[in-house]
Amino acid sequence: MSSVRDALRRGGAAAAVGLLLLLAPRLAAACSACFVASDARVARMFVVTAALLSVLPFAIVGGIAWWSWRRVATGAGA
């Protein structure tokens, strides 16, 4: 009987914390950068950095492919 009561108490506490977090989204921010991004300049740099990190893998793979093609085209690979 006490284990059921303990489980209900823990479940109630978890539900209360979850409800509090849903009602107060600023308290549930994932990281400290979420608060810094309120500045327009910083938010713009977040977007620029995200774009750079999105393009970088394609640039690396493209660079390796171009380098390999040049080696094969010039016969340096033999």
PDB file of N, CA and C in Angstrom:
ATOM      1  N   MET A   1       0.825  -1.193   0.000  1.00  0.00           N
ATOM      2  CA  MET A   1       0.000   0.000   0.000  1.00  0.00           C
ATOM      3  C   MET A   1       0.869   1.256   0.000  1.00  0.00           C
ATOM      4  N   SER A   2       1.960   1.226   0.782  1.00  0.00           N
ATOM      5  CA  SER A   2       2.811   2.415   0.830  1.00  0.00           C
ATOM      6  C   SER A   2       3.556   2.623  -0.482  1.00  0.00           C
ATOM      7  N   SER A   3       3.868   1.533  -1.216  1.00  0.00           N
ATOM      8  CA  SER A   3       4.562   1.697  -2.495  1.00  0.00           C
ATOM      9  C   SER A   3       3.655   2.375  -3.515  1.00  0.00           C
ATOM     10  N   VAL A   4       2.362   2.076  -3.472  1.00  0.00           N
ATOM     11  CA  VAL A   4       1.414   2.741  -4.366  1.00  0.00           C
ATOM     12  C   VAL A   4       1.311   4.214  -4.000  1.00  0.00           C
ATOM     13  N   ARG A   5       1.260   4.484  -2.719  1.00  0.00           N
ATOM     14  CA  ARG A   5       1.172   5.870  -2.250  1.00  0.00           C
ATOM     15  C   ARG A   5       2.441   6.650  -2.636  1.00  0.00           C
ATOM     16  N   ASP A   6       3.607   6.024  -2.507  1.00  0.00           N
ATOM     17  CA  ASP A   6       4.860   6.671  -2.898  1.00  0.00           C
ATOM     18  C   ASP A   6       4.896   6.937  -4.396  1.00  0.00           C
ATOM     19  N   ALA A   7       4.424   5.972  -5.189  1.00  0.00           N
ATOM     20  CA  ALA A   7       4.403   6.145  -6.645  1.00  0.00           C
ATOM     21  C   ALA A   7       3.479   7.285  -7.039  1.00  0.00           C
ATOM     22  N   LEU A   8       2.312   7.370  -6.396  1.00  0.00           N
ATOM     23  CA  LEU A   8       1.389   8.472  -6.689  1.00  0.00           C
ATOM     24  C   LEU A   8       1.982   9.811  -6.286  1.00  0.00           C
ATOM     25  N   ARG A   9       2.694   9.832  -5.177  1.00  0.00           N
ATOM     26  CA  ARG A   9       3.322  11.072  -4.716  1.00  0.00           C
ATOM     27  C   ARG A   9       4.410  11.519  -5.695  1.00  0.00           C
ATOM     28  N   ARG A  10       5.230  10.570  -6.146  1.00  0.00           N
ATOM     29  CA  ARG A  10       6.280  10.917  -7.116  1.00  0.00           C
ATOM     30  C   ARG A  10       5.673  11.341  -8.453  1.00  0.00           C
ATOM     31  N   GLY A  11       4.631  10.636  -8.873  1.00  0.00           N
ATOM     32  CA  GLY A  11       3.963  11.000 -10.121  1.00  0.00           C
ATOM     33  C   GLY A  11       3.325  12.368 -10.037  1.00  0.00           C
ATOM     34  N   GLY A  12       2.743  12.678  -8.894  1.00  0.00           N
ATOM     35  CA  GLY A  12       2.153  13.999  -8.698  1.00  0.00           C
ATOM     36  C   GLY A  12       3.202  15.092  -8.710  1.00  0.00           C
ATOM     37  N   ALA A  13       4.349  14.818  -8.090  1.00  0.00           N
ATOM     38  CA  ALA A  13       5.446  15.801  -8.081  1.00  0.00           C
ATOM     39  C   ALA A  13       5.967  16.015  -9.501  1.00  0.00           C
ATOM     40  N   ALA A  14       6.110  14.922 -10.258  1.00  0.00           N
ATOM     41  CA  ALA A  14       6.586  15.045 -11.637  1.00  0.00           C
ATOM     42  C   ALA A  14       5.580  15.819 -12.485  1.00  0.00           C
ATOM     43  N   ALA A  15       4.304  15.567 -12.286  1.00  0.00           N
ATOM     44  CA  ALA A  15       3.278  16.289 -13.033  1.00  0.00           C
ATOM     45  C   ALA A  15       3.284  17.771 -12.673  1.00  0.00           C
ATOM     46  N   ALA A  16       3.505  18.088 -11.403  1.00  0.00           N
ATOM     47  CA  ALA A  16       3.554  19.492 -10.980  1.00  0.00           C
ATOM     48  C   ALA A  16       4.745  20.205 -11.599  1.00  0.00           C
ATOM     49  N   VAL A  17       5.899  19.544 -11.624  1.00  0.00           N
ATOM     50  CA  VAL A  17       7.088  20.150 -12.239  1.00  0.00           C
ATOM     51  C   VAL A  17       6.862  20.340 -13.736  1.00  0.00           C
ATOM     52  N   GLY A  18       6.286  19.335 -14.405  1.00  0.00           N
ATOM     53  CA  GLY A  18       6.001  19.460 -15.831  1.00  0.00           C
ATOM     54  C   GLY A  18       5.043  20.588 -16.125  1.00  0.00           C
ATOM     55  N   LEU A  19       4.018  20.730 -15.319  1.00  0.00           N
ATOM     56  CA  LEU A  19       3.055  21.816 -15.503  1.00  0.00           C
ATOM     57  C   LEU A  19       3.715  23.171 -15.285  1.00  0.00           C
ATOM     58  N   LEU A  20       4.583  23.246 -14.283  1.00  0.00           N
ATOM     59  CA  LEU A  20       5.305  24.496 -14.018  1.00  0.00           C
ATOM     60  C   LEU A  20       6.176  24.873 -15.210  1.00  0.00           C
ATOM     61  N   LEU A  21       6.851  23.892 -15.788  1.00  0.00           N
ATOM     62  CA  LEU A  21       7.708  24.167 -16.943  1.00  0.00           C
ATOM     63  C   LEU A  21       6.897  24.574 -18.166  1.00  0.00           C
ATOM     64  N   LEU A  22       5.717  23.998 -18.322  1.00  0.00           N
ATOM     65  CA  LEU A  22       4.863  24.394 -19.439  1.00  0.00           C
ATOM     66  C   LEU A  22       4.318  25.805 -19.261  1.00  0.00           C
ATOM     67  N   LEU A  23       4.082  26.189 -18.038  1.00  0.00           N
ATOM     68  CA  LEU A  23       3.524  27.512 -17.773  1.00  0.00           C
ATOM     69  C   LEU A  23       4.600  28.599 -17.732  1.00  0.00           C
ATOM     70  N   ALA A  24       5.839  28.211 -17.565  1.00  0.00           N
ATOM     71  CA  ALA A  24       6.929  29.185 -17.473  1.00  0.00           C
ATOM     72  C   ALA A  24       8.025  28.817 -18.472  1.00  0.00           C
ATOM     73  N   PRO A  25       7.844  29.082 -19.767  1.00  0.00           N
ATOM     74  CA  PRO A  25       8.815  28.636 -20.770  1.00  0.00           C
ATOM     75  C   PRO A  25      10.195  29.264 -20.605  1.00  0.00           C
ATOM     76  N   ARG A  26      10.280  30.420 -20.023  1.00  0.00           N
ATOM     77  CA  ARG A  26      11.608  31.010 -19.830  1.00  0.00           C
ATOM     78  C   ARG A  26      12.447  30.190 -18.861  1.00  0.00           C
ATOM     79  N   LEU A  27      11.818  29.546 -17.923  1.00  0.00           N
ATOM     80  CA  LEU A  27      12.558  28.712 -16.979  1.00  0.00           C
ATOM     81  C   LEU A  27      13.035  27.417 -17.629  1.00  0.00           C
ATOM     82  N   ALA A  28      12.389  27.019 -18.713  1.00  0.00           N
ATOM     83  CA  ALA A  28      12.720  25.754 -19.364  1.00  0.00           C
ATOM     84  C   ALA A  28      13.619  25.942 -20.577  1.00  0.00           C
ATOM     85  N   ALA A  29      14.300  27.069 -20.702  1.00  0.00           N
ATOM     86  CA  ALA A  29      15.178  27.304 -21.844  1.00  0.00           C
ATOM     87  C   ALA A  29      16.274  26.248 -21.877  1.00  0.00           C
ATOM     88  N   ALA A  30      16.614  25.800 -23.075  1.00  0.00           N
ATOM     89  CA  ALA A  30      17.554  24.697 -23.221  1.00  0.00           C
ATOM     90  C   ALA A  30      18.993  25.101 -22.891  1.00  0.00           C
ATOM     91  N   CYS A  31      19.337  26.337 -23.116  1.00  0.00           N
ATOM     92  CA  CYS A  31      20.722  26.733 -22.890  1.00  0.00           C
ATOM     93  C   CYS A  31      20.790  28.232 -22.610  1.00  0.00           C
ATOM     94  N   SER A  32      21.960  28.668 -22.200  1.00  0.00           N
ATOM     95  CA  SER A  32      22.121  30.083 -21.895  1.00  0.00           C
ATOM     96  C   SER A  32      22.077  30.943 -23.155  1.00  0.00           C
ATOM     97  N   ALA A  33      22.392  30.361 -24.308  1.00  0.00           N
ATOM     98  CA  ALA A  33      22.374  31.120 -25.561  1.00  0.00           C
ATOM     99  C   ALA A  33      20.962  31.545 -25.943  1.00  0.00           C
ATOM    100  N   CYS A  34      19.950  30.836 -25.440  1.00  0.00           N
ATOM    101  CA  CYS A  34      18.568  31.200 -25.754  1.00  0.00           C
ATOM    102  C   CYS A  34      18.236  32.593 -25.225  1.00  0.00           C
ATOM    103  N   PHE A  35      18.833  32.965 -24.113  1.00  0.00           N
ATOM    104  CA  PHE A  35      18.579  34.281 -23.536  1.00  0.00           C
ATOM    105  C   PHE A  35      19.380  35.358 -24.263  1.00  0.00           C
ATOM    106  N   VAL A  36      20.550  35.024 -24.760  1.00  0.00           N
ATOM    107  CA  VAL A  36      21.409  35.988 -25.442  1.00  0.00           C
ATOM    108  C   VAL A  36      20.844  36.337 -26.812  1.00  0.00           C
ATOM    109  N   ALA A  37      20.109  35.411 -27.434  1.00  0.00           N
ATOM    110  CA  ALA A  37      19.616  35.603 -28.792  1.00  0.00           C
ATOM    111  C   ALA A  37      18.534  36.671 -28.883  1.00  0.00           C
ATOM    112  N   SER A  38      18.158  37.276 -27.776  1.00  0.00           N
ATOM    113  CA  SER A  38      17.162  38.340 -27.845  1.00  0.00           C
ATOM    114  C   SER A  38      17.727  39.592 -28.505  1.00  0.00           C
ATOM    115  N   ASP A  39      19.048  39.732 -28.509  1.00  0.00           N
ATOM    116  CA  ASP A  39      19.702  40.842 -29.196  1.00  0.00           C
ATOM    117  C   ASP A  39      19.699  40.539 -30.698  1.00  0.00           C
ATOM    118  N   ALA A  40      19.311  41.500 -31.528  1.00  0.00           N
ATOM    119  CA  ALA A  40      19.169  41.275 -32.974  1.00  0.00           C
ATOM    120  C   ALA A  40      20.497  40.915 -33.624  1.00  0.00           C
ATOM    121  N   ARG A  41      21.579  41.532 -33.192  1.00  0.00           N
ATOM    122  CA  ARG A  41      22.897  41.268 -33.783  1.00  0.00           C
ATOM    123  C   ARG A  41      23.334  39.832 -33.482  1.00  0.00           C
ATOM    124  N   VAL A  42      23.126  39.397 -32.266  1.00  0.00           N
ATOM    125  CA  VAL A  42      23.503  38.038 -31.875  1.00  0.00           C
ATOM    126  C   VAL A  42      22.626  37.017 -32.595  1.00  0.00           C
ATOM    127  N   ALA A  43      21.338  37.302 -32.710  1.00  0.00           N
ATOM    128  CA  ALA A  43      20.430  36.393 -33.417  1.00  0.00           C
ATOM    129  C   ALA A  43      20.840  36.250 -34.876  1.00  0.00           C
ATOM    130  N   ARG A  44      21.255  37.353 -35.502  1.00  0.00           N
ATOM    131  CA  ARG A  44      21.707  37.310 -36.898  1.00  0.00           C
ATOM    132  C   ARG A  44      22.959  36.445 -37.020  1.00  0.00           C
ATOM    133  N   MET A  45      23.865  36.543 -36.060  1.00  0.00           N
ATOM    134  CA  MET A  45      25.079  35.736 -36.109  1.00  0.00           C
ATOM    135  C   MET A  45      24.774  34.256 -35.891  1.00  0.00           C
ATOM    136  N   PHE A  46      23.749  33.935 -35.087  1.00  0.00           N
ATOM    137  CA  PHE A  46      23.324  32.546 -34.946  1.00  0.00           C
ATOM    138  C   PHE A  46      22.869  31.994 -36.294  1.00  0.00           C
ATOM    139  N   VAL A  47      22.122  32.796 -37.051  1.00  0.00           N
ATOM    140  CA  VAL A  47      21.641  32.358 -38.364  1.00  0.00           C
ATOM    141  C   VAL A  47      22.807  32.185 -39.327  1.00  0.00           C
ATOM    142  N   VAL A  48      23.751  33.129 -39.329  1.00  0.00           N
ATOM    143  CA  VAL A  48      24.917  33.039 -40.210  1.00  0.00           C
ATOM    144  C   VAL A  48      25.741  31.799 -39.870  1.00  0.00           C
ATOM    145  N   THR A  49      25.944  31.554 -38.596  1.00  0.00           N
ATOM    146  CA  THR A  49      26.716  30.388 -38.175  1.00  0.00           C
ATOM    147  C   THR A  49      26.002  29.092 -38.557  1.00  0.00           C
ATOM    148  N   ALA A  50      24.691  29.048 -38.390  1.00  0.00           N
ATOM    149  CA  ALA A  50      23.931  27.854 -38.776  1.00  0.00           C
ATOM    150  C   ALA A  50      24.041  27.613 -40.277  1.00  0.00           C
ATOM    151  N   ALA A  51      23.972  28.673 -41.074  1.00  0.00           N
ATOM    152  CA  ALA A  51      24.107  28.528 -42.526  1.00  0.00           C
ATOM    153  C   ALA A  51      25.506  28.024 -42.889  1.00  0.00           C
ATOM    154  N   LEU A  52      26.525  28.567 -42.243  1.00  0.00           N
ATOM    155  CA  LEU A  52      27.897  28.128 -42.502  1.00  0.00           C
ATOM    156  C   LEU A  52      28.064  26.652 -42.162  1.00  0.00           C
ATOM    157  N   LEU A  53      27.567  26.244 -41.013  1.00  0.00           N
ATOM    158  CA  LEU A  53      27.700  24.844 -40.611  1.00  0.00           C
ATOM    159  C   LEU A  53      26.863  23.919 -41.480  1.00  0.00           C
ATOM    160  N   SER A  54      25.822  24.428 -42.120  1.00  0.00           N
ATOM    161  CA  SER A  54      25.017  23.613 -43.028  1.00  0.00           C
ATOM    162  C   SER A  54      25.724  23.415 -44.371  1.00  0.00           C
ATOM    163  N   VAL A  55      26.457  24.414 -44.820  1.00  0.00           N
ATOM    164  CA  VAL A  55      27.120  24.359 -46.125  1.00  0.00           C
ATOM    165  C   VAL A  55      28.486  23.670 -46.031  1.00  0.00           C
ATOM    166  N   LEU A  56      29.115  23.720 -44.886  1.00  0.00           N
ATOM    167  CA  LEU A  56      30.476  23.210 -44.728  1.00  0.00           C
ATOM    168  C   LEU A  56      30.649  21.744 -45.129  1.00  0.00           C
ATOM    169  N   PRO A  57      29.778  20.819 -44.751  1.00  0.00           N
ATOM    170  CA  PRO A  57      29.979  19.426 -45.183  1.00  0.00           C
ATOM    171  C   PRO A  57      29.944  19.259 -46.709  1.00  0.00           C
ATOM    172  N   PHE A  58      29.058  19.994 -47.373  1.00  0.00           N
ATOM    173  CA  PHE A  58      29.005  19.923 -48.837  1.00  0.00           C
ATOM    174  C   PHE A  58      30.292  20.478 -49.450  1.00  0.00           C
ATOM    175  N   ALA A  59      30.832  21.532 -48.875  1.00  0.00           N
ATOM    176  CA  ALA A  59      32.083  22.101 -49.381  1.00  0.00           C
ATOM    177  C   ALA A  59      33.244  21.124 -49.190  1.00  0.00           C
ATOM    178  N   ILE A  60      33.270  20.436 -48.064  1.00  0.00           N
ATOM    179  CA  ILE A  60      34.345  19.477 -47.818  1.00  0.00           C
ATOM    180  C   ILE A  60      34.254  18.310 -48.794  1.00  0.00           C
ATOM    181  N   VAL A  61      33.068  17.732 -48.959  1.00  0.00           N
ATOM    182  CA  VAL A  61      32.897  16.612 -49.889  1.00  0.00           C
ATOM    183  C   VAL A  61      33.177  17.069 -51.317  1.00  0.00           C
ATOM    184  N   GLY A  62      32.706  18.256 -51.682  1.00  0.00           N
ATOM    185  CA  GLY A  62      32.985  18.784 -53.025  1.00  0.00           C
ATOM    186  C   GLY A  62      34.472  19.015 -53.249  1.00  0.00           C
ATOM    187  N   GLY A  63      35.161  19.515 -52.237  1.00  0.00           N
ATOM    188  CA  GLY A  63      36.608  19.730 -52.356  1.00  0.00           C
ATOM    189  C   GLY A  63      37.362  18.425 -52.532  1.00  0.00           C
ATOM    190  N   ILE A  64      36.962  17.398 -51.789  1.00  0.00           N
ATOM    191  CA  ILE A  64      37.614  16.088 -51.932  1.00  0.00           C
ATOM    192  C   ILE A  64      37.328  15.508 -53.314  1.00  0.00           C
ATOM    193  N   ALA A  65      36.096  15.647 -53.796  1.00  0.00           N
ATOM    194  CA  ALA A  65      35.747  15.140 -55.126  1.00  0.00           C
ATOM    195  C   ALA A  65      36.527  15.885 -56.212  1.00  0.00           C
ATOM    196  N   TRP A  66      36.642  17.198 -56.091  1.00  0.00           N
ATOM    197  CA  TRP A  66      37.390  17.994 -57.082  1.00  0.00           C
ATOM    198  C   TRP A  66      38.855  17.608 -57.068  1.00  0.00           C
ATOM    199  N   TRP A  67      39.436  17.438 -55.867  1.00  0.00           N
ATOM    200  CA  TRP A  67      40.839  17.063 -55.740  1.00  0.00           C
ATOM    201  C   TRP A  67      41.075  15.687 -56.363  1.00  0.00           C
ATOM    202  N   SER A  68      40.158  14.746 -56.094  1.00  0.00           N
ATOM    203  CA  SER A  68      40.296  13.399 -56.673  1.00  0.00           C
ATOM    204  C   SER A  68      40.180  13.434 -58.190  1.00  0.00           C
ATOM    205  N   TRP A  69      39.223  14.205 -58.704  1.00  0.00           N
ATOM    206  CA  TRP A  69      39.053  14.325 -60.148  1.00  0.00           C
ATOM    207  C   TRP A  69      40.304  14.910 -60.791  1.00  0.00           C
ATOM    208  N   ARG A  70      40.893  15.943 -60.173  1.00  0.00           N
ATOM    209  CA  ARG A  70      42.125  16.528 -60.730  1.00  0.00           C
ATOM    210  C   ARG A  70      43.267  15.560 -60.753  1.00  0.00           C
ATOM    211  N   ARG A  71      43.394  14.746 -59.689  1.00  0.00           N
ATOM    212  CA  ARG A  71      44.482  13.754 -59.648  1.00  0.00           C
ATOM    213  C   ARG A  71      44.313  12.719 -60.762  1.00  0.00           C
ATOM    214  N   VAL A  72      43.053  12.288 -60.974  1.00  0.00           N
ATOM    215  CA  VAL A  72      42.798  11.291 -62.024  1.00  0.00           C
ATOM    216  C   VAL A  72      42.994  11.921 -63.405  1.00  0.00           C
ATOM    217  N   ALA A  73      42.524  13.165 -63.586  1.00  0.00           N
ATOM    218  CA  ALA A  73      42.608  13.836 -64.891  1.00  0.00           C
ATOM    219  C   ALA A  73      44.054  14.121 -65.283  1.00  0.00           C
ATOM    220  N   THR A  74      44.909  14.409 -64.335  1.00  0.00           N
ATOM    221  CA  THR A  74      46.304  14.730 -64.664  1.00  0.00           C
ATOM    222  C   THR A  74      47.181  13.485 -64.647  1.00  0.00           C
ATOM    223  N   GLY A  75      46.637  12.362 -64.234  1.00  0.00           N
ATOM    224  CA  GLY A  75      47.415  11.117 -64.216  1.00  0.00           C
ATOM    225  C   GLY A  75      48.331  10.997 -63.023  1.00  0.00           C
ATOM    226  N   ALA A  76      48.127  11.838 -62.020  1.00  0.00           N
ATOM    227  CA  ALA A  76      48.993  11.811 -60.841  1.00  0.00           C
ATOM    228  C   ALA A  76      48.671  10.643 -59.921  1.00  0.00           C
ATOM    229  N   GLY A  77      47.547  10.007 -60.141  1.00  0.00           N
ATOM    230  CA  GLY A  77      47.143   8.911 -59.266  1.00  0.00           C
ATOM    231  C   GLY A  77      47.832   7.608 -59.565  1.00  0.00           C
ATOM    232  N   ALA A  78      48.572   7.504 -60.654  1.00  0.00           N
ATOM    233  CA  ALA A  78      49.185   6.232 -61.051  1.00  0.00           C
ATOM    234  C   ALA A  78      50.545   6.035 -60.448  1.00  0.00           C
TER     235      ALA A  78
END
